[in-house]
């Protein structure tokens, strides 16, 4: 997405990661408030960090697929809003399908 200066590429990456983190925090708070549960600062912060991590992985995927920056921002923001659990689950399912793996084989390997 960003060619040339590595410092500029790093800055752009942090902007997308921040978008994911903010989306994660807002999504978490909205889900908690929607079911009238107490919003705690520590849990909200953890959700934001998790969303930032997921957002970074989505950013790497967007880079590899040459997704335009505007579209990447939307995808990363939505993945942040969904949260790390949902975003990573979606990516995991995609990877399993691409590698023709089943979740059963993963569980069997963990049991050994």
C-alpha atoms as a PDB file:
ATOM      1  CA  UNK A   1       0.000   0.000   0.000  1.00  0.00           C
ATOM      2  CA  UNK A   2       2.862   2.369   0.767  1.00  0.00           C
ATOM      3  CA  UNK A   3       5.933   2.254  -1.458  1.00  0.00           C
ATOM      4  CA  UNK A   4       9.291   3.792  -0.735  1.00  0.00           C
ATOM      5  CA  UNK A   5      10.110   5.219   2.668  1.00  0.00           C
ATOM      6  CA  UNK A   6      10.020   2.575   5.452  1.00  0.00           C
ATOM      7  CA  UNK A   7       9.219   5.226   8.056  1.00  0.00           C
ATOM      8  CA  UNK A   8       6.160   6.285   6.072  1.00  0.00           C
ATOM      9  CA  UNK A   9       5.097   2.631   5.744  1.00  0.00           C
ATOM     10  CA  UNK A  10       5.448   2.178   9.513  1.00  0.00           C
ATOM     11  CA  UNK A  11       3.366   5.301  10.163  1.00  0.00           C
ATOM     12  CA  UNK A  12       0.637   4.096   7.814  1.00  0.00           C
ATOM     13  CA  UNK A  13       0.636   0.689   9.516  1.00  0.00           C
ATOM     14  CA  UNK A  14       0.171   2.312  12.914  1.00  0.00           C
ATOM     15  CA  UNK A  15      -2.755   4.339  11.611  1.00  0.00           C
ATOM     16  CA  UNK A  16      -4.534   1.172  10.487  1.00  0.00           C
ATOM     17  CA  UNK A  17      -3.690  -0.591  13.755  1.00  0.00           C
ATOM     18  CA  UNK A  18      -5.110   2.375  15.667  1.00  0.00           C
ATOM     19  CA  UNK A  19      -8.292   2.192  13.574  1.00  0.00           C
ATOM     20  CA  UNK A  20      -8.661  -1.481  14.529  1.00  0.00           C
ATOM     21  CA  UNK A  21      -8.003  -0.759  18.215  1.00  0.00           C
ATOM     22  CA  UNK A  22     -10.571   2.053  18.331  1.00  0.00           C
ATOM     23  CA  UNK A  23     -13.055  -0.171  16.513  1.00  0.00           C
ATOM     24  CA  UNK A  24     -12.403  -2.943  19.034  1.00  0.00           C
ATOM     25  CA  UNK A  25     -12.928  -0.653  22.017  1.00  0.00           C
ATOM     26  CA  UNK A  26     -16.100   0.881  20.592  1.00  0.00           C
ATOM     27  CA  UNK A  27     -17.516  -2.472  19.474  1.00  0.00           C
ATOM     28  CA  UNK A  28     -16.852  -4.025  22.875  1.00  0.00           C
ATOM     29  CA  UNK A  29     -18.455  -1.102  24.717  1.00  0.00           C
ATOM     30  CA  UNK A  30     -21.505  -1.112  22.449  1.00  0.00           C
ATOM     31  CA  UNK A  31     -22.006  -4.866  22.893  1.00  0.00           C
ATOM     32  CA  UNK A  32     -21.713  -4.547  26.692  1.00  0.00           C
ATOM     33  CA  UNK A  33     -24.067  -1.573  26.848  1.00  0.00           C
ATOM     34  CA  UNK A  34     -26.496  -3.331  24.495  1.00  0.00           C
ATOM     35  CA  UNK A  35     -27.018  -6.108  27.022  1.00  0.00           C
ATOM     36  CA  UNK A  36     -26.783  -3.706  29.991  1.00  0.00           C
ATOM     37  CA  UNK A  37     -23.580  -5.189  31.379  1.00  0.00           C
ATOM     38  CA  UNK A  38     -20.959  -3.243  33.272  1.00  0.00           C
ATOM     39  CA  UNK A  39     -18.097  -1.957  31.112  1.00  0.00           C
ATOM     40  CA  UNK A  40     -14.726  -2.383  32.826  1.00  0.00           C
ATOM     41  CA  UNK A  41     -11.631  -0.480  31.786  1.00  0.00           C
ATOM     42  CA  UNK A  42      -9.309  -3.506  31.906  1.00  0.00           C
ATOM     43  CA  UNK A  43     -11.541  -5.708  29.761  1.00  0.00           C
ATOM     44  CA  UNK A  44     -12.131  -2.861  27.307  1.00  0.00           C
ATOM     45  CA  UNK A  45      -8.393  -2.206  27.025  1.00  0.00           C
ATOM     46  CA  UNK A  46      -7.720  -5.903  26.467  1.00  0.00           C
ATOM     47  CA  UNK A  47     -10.355  -6.009  23.720  1.00  0.00           C
ATOM     48  CA  UNK A  48      -8.728  -2.988  22.076  1.00  0.00           C
ATOM     49  CA  UNK A  49      -5.283  -4.607  22.134  1.00  0.00           C
ATOM     50  CA  UNK A  50      -6.706  -7.841  20.751  1.00  0.00           C
ATOM     51  CA  UNK A  51      -8.476  -5.945  17.991  1.00  0.00           C
ATOM     52  CA  UNK A  52      -5.232  -4.105  17.174  1.00  0.00           C
ATOM     53  CA  UNK A  53      -3.422  -7.448  16.818  1.00  0.00           C
ATOM     54  CA  UNK A  54      -6.169  -8.822  14.577  1.00  0.00           C
ATOM     55  CA  UNK A  55      -6.135  -5.566  12.618  1.00  0.00           C
ATOM     56  CA  UNK A  56      -2.408  -5.918  12.006  1.00  0.00           C
ATOM     57  CA  UNK A  57      -2.899  -9.439  10.648  1.00  0.00           C
ATOM     58  CA  UNK A  58      -5.683  -8.163   8.389  1.00  0.00           C
ATOM     59  CA  UNK A  59      -3.387  -5.332   7.271  1.00  0.00           C
ATOM     60  CA  UNK A  60      -0.738  -7.879   6.268  1.00  0.00           C
ATOM     61  CA  UNK A  61      -3.379  -9.835   4.346  1.00  0.00           C
ATOM     62  CA  UNK A  62      -4.549  -6.645   2.622  1.00  0.00           C
ATOM     63  CA  UNK A  63      -0.946  -5.882   1.648  1.00  0.00           C
ATOM     64  CA  UNK A  64      -0.484  -9.347   0.172  1.00  0.00           C
ATOM     65  CA  UNK A  65      -3.688  -9.048  -1.879  1.00  0.00           C
ATOM     66  CA  UNK A  66      -2.839  -5.466  -2.993  1.00  0.00           C
ATOM     67  CA  UNK A  67      -6.097  -4.120  -1.549  1.00  0.00           C
ATOM     68  CA  UNK A  68      -6.512  -0.342  -2.054  1.00  0.00           C
ATOM     69  CA  UNK A  69      -5.889   1.687   1.136  1.00  0.00           C
ATOM     70  CA  UNK A  70      -9.487   2.889   1.406  1.00  0.00           C
ATOM     71  CA  UNK A  71     -10.874  -0.635   1.216  1.00  0.00           C
ATOM     72  CA  UNK A  72      -8.206  -1.907   3.615  1.00  0.00           C
ATOM     73  CA  UNK A  73      -9.214   0.770   6.118  1.00  0.00           C
ATOM     74  CA  UNK A  74     -12.837  -0.316   5.966  1.00  0.00           C
ATOM     75  CA  UNK A  75     -11.978  -4.012   6.323  1.00  0.00           C
ATOM     76  CA  UNK A  76      -9.563  -3.348   9.196  1.00  0.00           C
ATOM     77  CA  UNK A  77     -12.047  -1.072  10.960  1.00  0.00           C
ATOM     78  CA  UNK A  78     -14.826  -3.647  10.652  1.00  0.00           C
ATOM     79  CA  UNK A  79     -12.555  -6.422  11.916  1.00  0.00           C
ATOM     80  CA  UNK A  80     -11.670  -4.204  14.851  1.00  0.00           C
ATOM     81  CA  UNK A  81     -15.349  -3.573  15.543  1.00  0.00           C
ATOM     82  CA  UNK A  82     -16.082  -7.309  15.407  1.00  0.00           C
ATOM     83  CA  UNK A  83     -13.258  -7.922  17.856  1.00  0.00           C
ATOM     84  CA  UNK A  84     -10.254 -10.195  17.862  1.00  0.00           C
ATOM     85  CA  UNK A  85     -12.210 -13.394  18.550  1.00  0.00           C
ATOM     86  CA  UNK A  86     -14.546 -12.999  15.589  1.00  0.00           C
ATOM     87  CA  UNK A  87     -11.884 -11.634  13.217  1.00  0.00           C
ATOM     88  CA  UNK A  88      -9.349 -14.347  13.989  1.00  0.00           C
ATOM     89  CA  UNK A  89     -12.054 -17.015  13.697  1.00  0.00           C
ATOM     90  CA  UNK A  90     -12.921 -15.736  10.211  1.00  0.00           C
ATOM     91  CA  UNK A  91      -9.243 -15.770   9.204  1.00  0.00           C
ATOM     92  CA  UNK A  92      -8.768 -19.235  10.701  1.00  0.00           C
ATOM     93  CA  UNK A  93     -11.695 -20.631   8.704  1.00  0.00           C
ATOM     94  CA  UNK A  94     -10.305 -19.037   5.523  1.00  0.00           C
ATOM     95  CA  UNK A  95      -6.868 -20.555   6.120  1.00  0.00           C
ATOM     96  CA  UNK A  96      -8.344 -23.990   6.845  1.00  0.00           C
ATOM     97  CA  UNK A  97     -10.249 -23.893   3.563  1.00  0.00           C
ATOM     98  CA  UNK A  98      -7.232 -22.704   1.564  1.00  0.00           C
ATOM     99  CA  UNK A  99      -4.969 -25.384   3.048  1.00  0.00           C
ATOM    100  CA  UNK A 100      -7.729 -28.001   2.823  1.00  0.00           C
ATOM    101  CA  UNK A 101      -7.540 -28.740   6.541  1.00  0.00           C
ATOM    102  CA  UNK A 102     -10.339 -29.677   8.872  1.00  0.00           C
ATOM    103  CA  UNK A 103     -10.774 -28.603  12.457  1.00  0.00           C
ATOM    104  CA  UNK A 104     -11.055 -32.279  13.382  1.00  0.00           C
ATOM    105  CA  UNK A 105      -7.452 -32.875  12.265  1.00  0.00           C
ATOM    106  CA  UNK A 106      -6.289 -29.975  14.459  1.00  0.00           C
ATOM    107  CA  UNK A 107      -8.096 -31.411  17.480  1.00  0.00           C
ATOM    108  CA  UNK A 108      -6.618 -34.869  16.827  1.00  0.00           C
ATOM    109  CA  UNK A 109      -3.103 -33.384  16.665  1.00  0.00           C
ATOM    110  CA  UNK A 110      -3.628 -31.550  19.976  1.00  0.00           C
ATOM    111  CA  UNK A 111      -4.744 -34.760  21.695  1.00  0.00           C
ATOM    112  CA  UNK A 112      -1.521 -36.606  20.744  1.00  0.00           C
END
